[in-house]
N, C-alpha and C. Protein backbone atom coordinates (compact mmCIF):
# COMPACT_ATOMS: atom_id res chain seq x y z
N UNK A 1 9.53 -3.52 -15.54
CA UNK A 1 8.76 -3.06 -14.41
C UNK A 1 7.67 -4.08 -14.05
N UNK A 2 7.00 -4.58 -15.06
CA UNK A 2 5.94 -5.57 -14.83
C UNK A 2 6.50 -6.83 -14.18
N UNK A 3 7.67 -7.25 -14.62
CA UNK A 3 8.29 -8.47 -14.07
C UNK A 3 8.61 -8.26 -12.59
N UNK A 4 9.13 -7.09 -12.25
CA UNK A 4 9.45 -6.81 -10.85
C UNK A 4 8.18 -6.80 -9.99
N UNK A 5 7.11 -6.28 -10.54
CA UNK A 5 5.85 -6.27 -9.81
C UNK A 5 5.33 -7.69 -9.57
N UNK A 6 5.42 -8.53 -10.56
CA UNK A 6 4.98 -9.92 -10.42
C UNK A 6 5.85 -10.65 -9.38
N UNK A 7 7.15 -10.42 -9.44
CA UNK A 7 8.06 -11.05 -8.45
C UNK A 7 7.71 -10.58 -7.04
N UNK A 8 7.42 -9.29 -6.89
CA UNK A 8 7.06 -8.77 -5.58
C UNK A 8 5.76 -9.38 -5.07
N UNK A 9 4.79 -9.51 -5.93
CA UNK A 9 3.51 -10.11 -5.54
C UNK A 9 3.70 -11.57 -5.13
N UNK A 10 4.49 -12.31 -5.91
CA UNK A 10 4.76 -13.72 -5.59
C UNK A 10 5.51 -13.83 -4.27
N UNK A 11 6.48 -12.94 -4.04
CA UNK A 11 7.24 -12.97 -2.78
C UNK A 11 6.33 -12.67 -1.60
N UNK A 12 5.46 -11.68 -1.74
CA UNK A 12 4.54 -11.37 -0.65
C UNK A 12 3.57 -12.51 -0.40
N UNK A 13 3.13 -13.16 -1.47
CA UNK A 13 2.25 -14.31 -1.30
C UNK A 13 2.97 -15.45 -0.56
N UNK A 14 4.23 -15.67 -0.93
CA UNK A 14 5.03 -16.70 -0.25
C UNK A 14 5.24 -16.38 1.22
N UNK A 15 5.47 -15.11 1.54
CA UNK A 15 5.64 -14.72 2.93
C UNK A 15 4.34 -14.84 3.71
N UNK A 16 3.22 -14.90 3.00
CA UNK A 16 1.93 -15.04 3.65
C UNK A 16 1.79 -16.33 4.44
N UNK A 17 2.60 -17.34 4.11
CA UNK A 17 2.55 -18.58 4.88
C UNK A 17 3.19 -18.40 6.26
N UNK A 18 4.05 -17.37 6.41
CA UNK A 18 4.63 -17.06 7.72
C UNK A 18 3.68 -16.19 8.54
N UNK A 19 3.08 -15.21 7.87
CA UNK A 19 2.17 -14.31 8.56
C UNK A 19 1.10 -13.84 7.56
N UNK A 20 -0.17 -14.01 7.87
CA UNK A 20 -1.25 -13.70 6.92
C UNK A 20 -1.31 -12.23 6.49
N UNK A 21 -0.67 -11.35 7.23
CA UNK A 21 -0.66 -9.94 6.84
C UNK A 21 0.01 -9.74 5.48
N UNK A 22 0.98 -10.59 5.16
CA UNK A 22 1.66 -10.49 3.85
C UNK A 22 0.70 -10.81 2.71
N UNK A 23 -0.27 -11.72 2.96
CA UNK A 23 -1.26 -12.01 1.93
C UNK A 23 -2.12 -10.78 1.65
N UNK A 24 -2.45 -10.06 2.70
CA UNK A 24 -3.22 -8.83 2.54
C UNK A 24 -2.42 -7.82 1.72
N UNK A 25 -1.14 -7.70 2.02
CA UNK A 25 -0.28 -6.77 1.27
C UNK A 25 -0.20 -7.19 -0.19
N UNK A 26 -0.08 -8.50 -0.45
CA UNK A 26 -0.02 -8.98 -1.83
C UNK A 26 -1.35 -8.71 -2.55
N UNK A 27 -2.46 -8.91 -1.86
CA UNK A 27 -3.77 -8.67 -2.47
C UNK A 27 -3.97 -7.19 -2.78
N UNK A 28 -3.55 -6.32 -1.87
CA UNK A 28 -3.67 -4.87 -2.11
C UNK A 28 -2.79 -4.46 -3.29
N UNK A 29 -1.58 -4.98 -3.35
CA UNK A 29 -0.69 -4.66 -4.46
C UNK A 29 -1.23 -5.18 -5.78
N UNK A 30 -1.78 -6.37 -5.78
CA UNK A 30 -2.37 -6.93 -6.99
C UNK A 30 -3.59 -6.12 -7.44
N UNK A 31 -4.42 -5.73 -6.48
CA UNK A 31 -5.58 -4.91 -6.81
C UNK A 31 -5.14 -3.56 -7.38
N UNK A 32 -4.16 -2.95 -6.75
CA UNK A 32 -3.65 -1.66 -7.24
C UNK A 32 -3.05 -1.76 -8.62
N UNK A 33 -2.36 -2.86 -8.89
CA UNK A 33 -1.74 -3.04 -10.21
C UNK A 33 -2.79 -3.23 -11.30
N UNK A 34 -3.85 -3.96 -10.98
CA UNK A 34 -4.87 -4.21 -12.01
C UNK A 34 -5.84 -3.05 -12.14
N UNK A 35 -6.07 -2.32 -11.07
CA UNK A 35 -7.06 -1.25 -11.12
C UNK A 35 -6.45 0.10 -11.49
N UNK A 36 -5.29 0.41 -10.92
CA UNK A 36 -4.73 1.74 -11.10
C UNK A 36 -3.37 1.73 -11.80
N UNK A 37 -2.99 0.61 -12.36
CA UNK A 37 -1.68 0.51 -12.98
C UNK A 37 -1.61 1.21 -14.32
N UNK A 38 -0.47 1.19 -14.91
CA UNK A 38 -0.16 1.83 -16.19
C UNK A 38 -0.22 3.34 -16.09
N UNK A 39 -0.13 4.01 -17.24
CA UNK A 39 0.07 5.45 -17.27
C UNK A 39 -1.12 6.27 -16.78
N UNK A 40 -2.30 6.02 -17.30
CA UNK A 40 -3.42 6.90 -17.06
C UNK A 40 -4.35 6.41 -15.97
N UNK A 41 -3.92 5.47 -15.19
CA UNK A 41 -4.75 5.02 -14.09
C UNK A 41 -5.81 4.03 -14.49
N UNK A 42 -5.66 3.36 -15.60
CA UNK A 42 -6.68 2.44 -16.04
C UNK A 42 -6.41 1.00 -15.68
N UNK A 43 -5.17 0.64 -15.64
CA UNK A 43 -4.83 -0.72 -15.27
C UNK A 43 -4.88 -1.68 -16.43
N UNK A 44 -4.64 -2.94 -16.13
CA UNK A 44 -4.60 -3.97 -17.16
C UNK A 44 -5.98 -4.48 -17.48
N UNK A 45 -6.88 -4.37 -16.54
CA UNK A 45 -8.24 -4.84 -16.75
C UNK A 45 -9.14 -3.61 -16.75
N UNK A 46 -9.61 -3.22 -17.93
CA UNK A 46 -10.42 -2.02 -18.03
C UNK A 46 -11.77 -2.37 -18.61
N UNK A 47 -12.81 -1.92 -17.94
CA UNK A 47 -14.14 -2.19 -18.41
C UNK A 47 -14.73 -1.10 -19.28
N UNK A 48 -14.13 0.10 -19.22
CA UNK A 48 -14.74 1.21 -19.93
C UNK A 48 -14.33 1.29 -21.40
N UNK A 49 -13.27 0.63 -21.80
CA UNK A 49 -12.85 0.62 -23.20
C UNK A 49 -12.33 1.95 -23.68
N UNK A 50 -11.85 2.80 -22.79
CA UNK A 50 -11.42 4.14 -23.19
C UNK A 50 -10.18 4.10 -24.07
N UNK A 51 -9.33 3.09 -23.90
CA UNK A 51 -8.17 2.98 -24.80
C UNK A 51 -8.63 2.76 -26.23
N UNK A 52 -9.63 1.92 -26.40
CA UNK A 52 -10.13 1.63 -27.73
C UNK A 52 -10.78 2.85 -28.35
N UNK A 53 -11.54 3.60 -27.57
CA UNK A 53 -12.17 4.81 -28.07
C UNK A 53 -11.13 5.85 -28.47
N UNK A 54 -10.09 5.97 -27.66
CA UNK A 54 -9.02 6.92 -27.98
C UNK A 54 -8.32 6.55 -29.27
N UNK A 55 -8.11 5.26 -29.48
CA UNK A 55 -7.46 4.83 -30.70
C UNK A 55 -8.36 5.05 -31.91
N UNK A 56 -9.66 4.81 -31.74
CA UNK A 56 -10.58 5.04 -32.85
C UNK A 56 -10.61 6.51 -33.24
N UNK A 57 -10.60 7.40 -32.25
CA UNK A 57 -10.58 8.83 -32.54
C UNK A 57 -9.29 9.20 -33.28
N UNK A 58 -8.17 8.65 -32.82
CA UNK A 58 -6.90 8.89 -33.50
C UNK A 58 -6.94 8.38 -34.93
N UNK A 59 -7.49 7.20 -35.13
CA UNK A 59 -7.56 6.60 -36.45
C UNK A 59 -8.43 7.44 -37.39
N UNK A 60 -9.55 7.94 -36.88
CA UNK A 60 -10.42 8.79 -37.70
C UNK A 60 -9.72 10.09 -38.08
N UNK A 61 -9.03 10.71 -37.12
CA UNK A 61 -8.29 11.94 -37.43
C UNK A 61 -7.21 11.68 -38.46
N UNK A 62 -6.51 10.56 -38.32
CA UNK A 62 -5.45 10.22 -39.27
C UNK A 62 -6.01 9.97 -40.66
N UNK A 63 -7.14 9.27 -40.74
CA UNK A 63 -7.76 9.02 -42.04
C UNK A 63 -8.25 10.31 -42.69
N UNK A 64 -8.85 11.20 -41.87
CA UNK A 64 -9.29 12.48 -42.42
C UNK A 64 -8.12 13.30 -42.94
N UNK A 65 -7.01 13.28 -42.20
CA UNK A 65 -5.82 14.02 -42.64
C UNK A 65 -5.26 13.43 -43.92
N UNK A 66 -5.23 12.11 -44.01
CA UNK A 66 -4.75 11.47 -45.25
C UNK A 66 -5.63 11.83 -46.43
N UNK A 67 -6.94 11.81 -46.24
CA UNK A 67 -7.84 12.20 -47.33
C UNK A 67 -7.63 13.65 -47.74
N UNK A 68 -7.44 14.53 -46.75
CA UNK A 68 -7.20 15.93 -47.04
C UNK A 68 -5.92 16.09 -47.86
N UNK A 69 -4.87 15.44 -47.40
CA UNK A 69 -3.58 15.54 -48.11
C UNK A 69 -3.69 15.01 -49.53
N UNK A 70 -4.38 13.90 -49.68
CA UNK A 70 -4.52 13.32 -51.02
C UNK A 70 -5.38 14.21 -51.91
N UNK A 71 -6.43 14.74 -51.37
CA UNK A 71 -7.37 15.52 -52.17
C UNK A 71 -6.72 16.79 -52.70
N UNK A 72 -5.89 17.43 -51.88
CA UNK A 72 -5.34 18.71 -52.28
C UNK A 72 -3.90 18.64 -52.78
N UNK A 73 -3.39 17.45 -52.98
CA UNK A 73 -2.08 17.34 -53.62
C UNK A 73 -2.29 17.32 -55.13
N UNK A 74 -1.33 17.79 -55.87
CA UNK A 74 -1.48 17.90 -57.32
C UNK A 74 -1.19 16.58 -58.03
N UNK A 75 -0.39 15.73 -57.43
CA UNK A 75 -0.04 14.46 -58.07
C UNK A 75 -1.17 13.46 -57.93
N UNK A 76 -1.46 12.78 -59.00
CA UNK A 76 -2.42 11.67 -59.01
C UNK A 76 -3.79 12.05 -58.46
N UNK A 77 -4.22 13.24 -58.73
CA UNK A 77 -5.49 13.72 -58.18
C UNK A 77 -6.67 12.85 -58.60
N UNK A 78 -6.71 12.40 -59.86
CA UNK A 78 -7.83 11.57 -60.32
C UNK A 78 -7.86 10.22 -59.59
N UNK A 79 -6.69 9.65 -59.35
CA UNK A 79 -6.64 8.36 -58.65
C UNK A 79 -7.11 8.52 -57.21
N UNK A 80 -6.70 9.61 -56.54
CA UNK A 80 -7.12 9.82 -55.16
C UNK A 80 -8.63 10.01 -55.08
N UNK A 81 -9.19 10.75 -56.01
CA UNK A 81 -10.64 10.95 -55.99
C UNK A 81 -11.38 9.64 -56.19
N UNK A 82 -10.86 8.80 -57.08
CA UNK A 82 -11.47 7.49 -57.32
C UNK A 82 -11.42 6.64 -56.04
N UNK A 83 -10.28 6.66 -55.36
CA UNK A 83 -10.16 5.90 -54.12
C UNK A 83 -11.07 6.46 -53.03
N UNK A 84 -11.21 7.78 -52.97
CA UNK A 84 -12.13 8.39 -52.00
C UNK A 84 -13.56 7.96 -52.28
N UNK A 85 -13.94 7.91 -53.55
CA UNK A 85 -15.29 7.45 -53.88
C UNK A 85 -15.49 6.00 -53.46
N UNK A 86 -14.47 5.18 -53.69
CA UNK A 86 -14.57 3.77 -53.30
C UNK A 86 -14.68 3.64 -51.78
N UNK A 87 -13.90 4.44 -51.03
CA UNK A 87 -14.00 4.42 -49.57
C UNK A 87 -15.40 4.83 -49.13
N UNK A 88 -15.92 5.86 -49.76
CA UNK A 88 -17.25 6.35 -49.40
C UNK A 88 -18.32 5.28 -49.70
N UNK A 89 -18.18 4.59 -50.83
CA UNK A 89 -19.15 3.56 -51.20
C UNK A 89 -19.11 2.38 -50.24
N UNK A 90 -17.94 2.06 -49.71
CA UNK A 90 -17.79 0.92 -48.79
C UNK A 90 -18.49 1.21 -47.46
N UNK A 91 -18.47 2.45 -47.02
CA UNK A 91 -19.05 2.80 -45.72
C UNK A 91 -20.56 2.76 -45.75
N UNK A 92 -21.16 2.97 -46.88
CA UNK A 92 -22.63 3.03 -46.95
C UNK A 92 -23.24 1.69 -47.08
């Protein structure tokens, strides 16, 4: 999909030498692709960093779930507690 979009933008830019209106169309398409492209309307160039925040939240939930699973599993309980203490010491 991205390749087709790039080809379309290049074609519209090339047609701009025949009529400047095609350059406007290429600029609007390029702006739309960078500003409103992809799934959630964020585009390829995002200033708010919401993708990164979403991933951090996911990572924290995953880590909490892993700690929960390790803490309440019966196998290797002493080893898991030792690793949890080491994780806790690293954060401080």
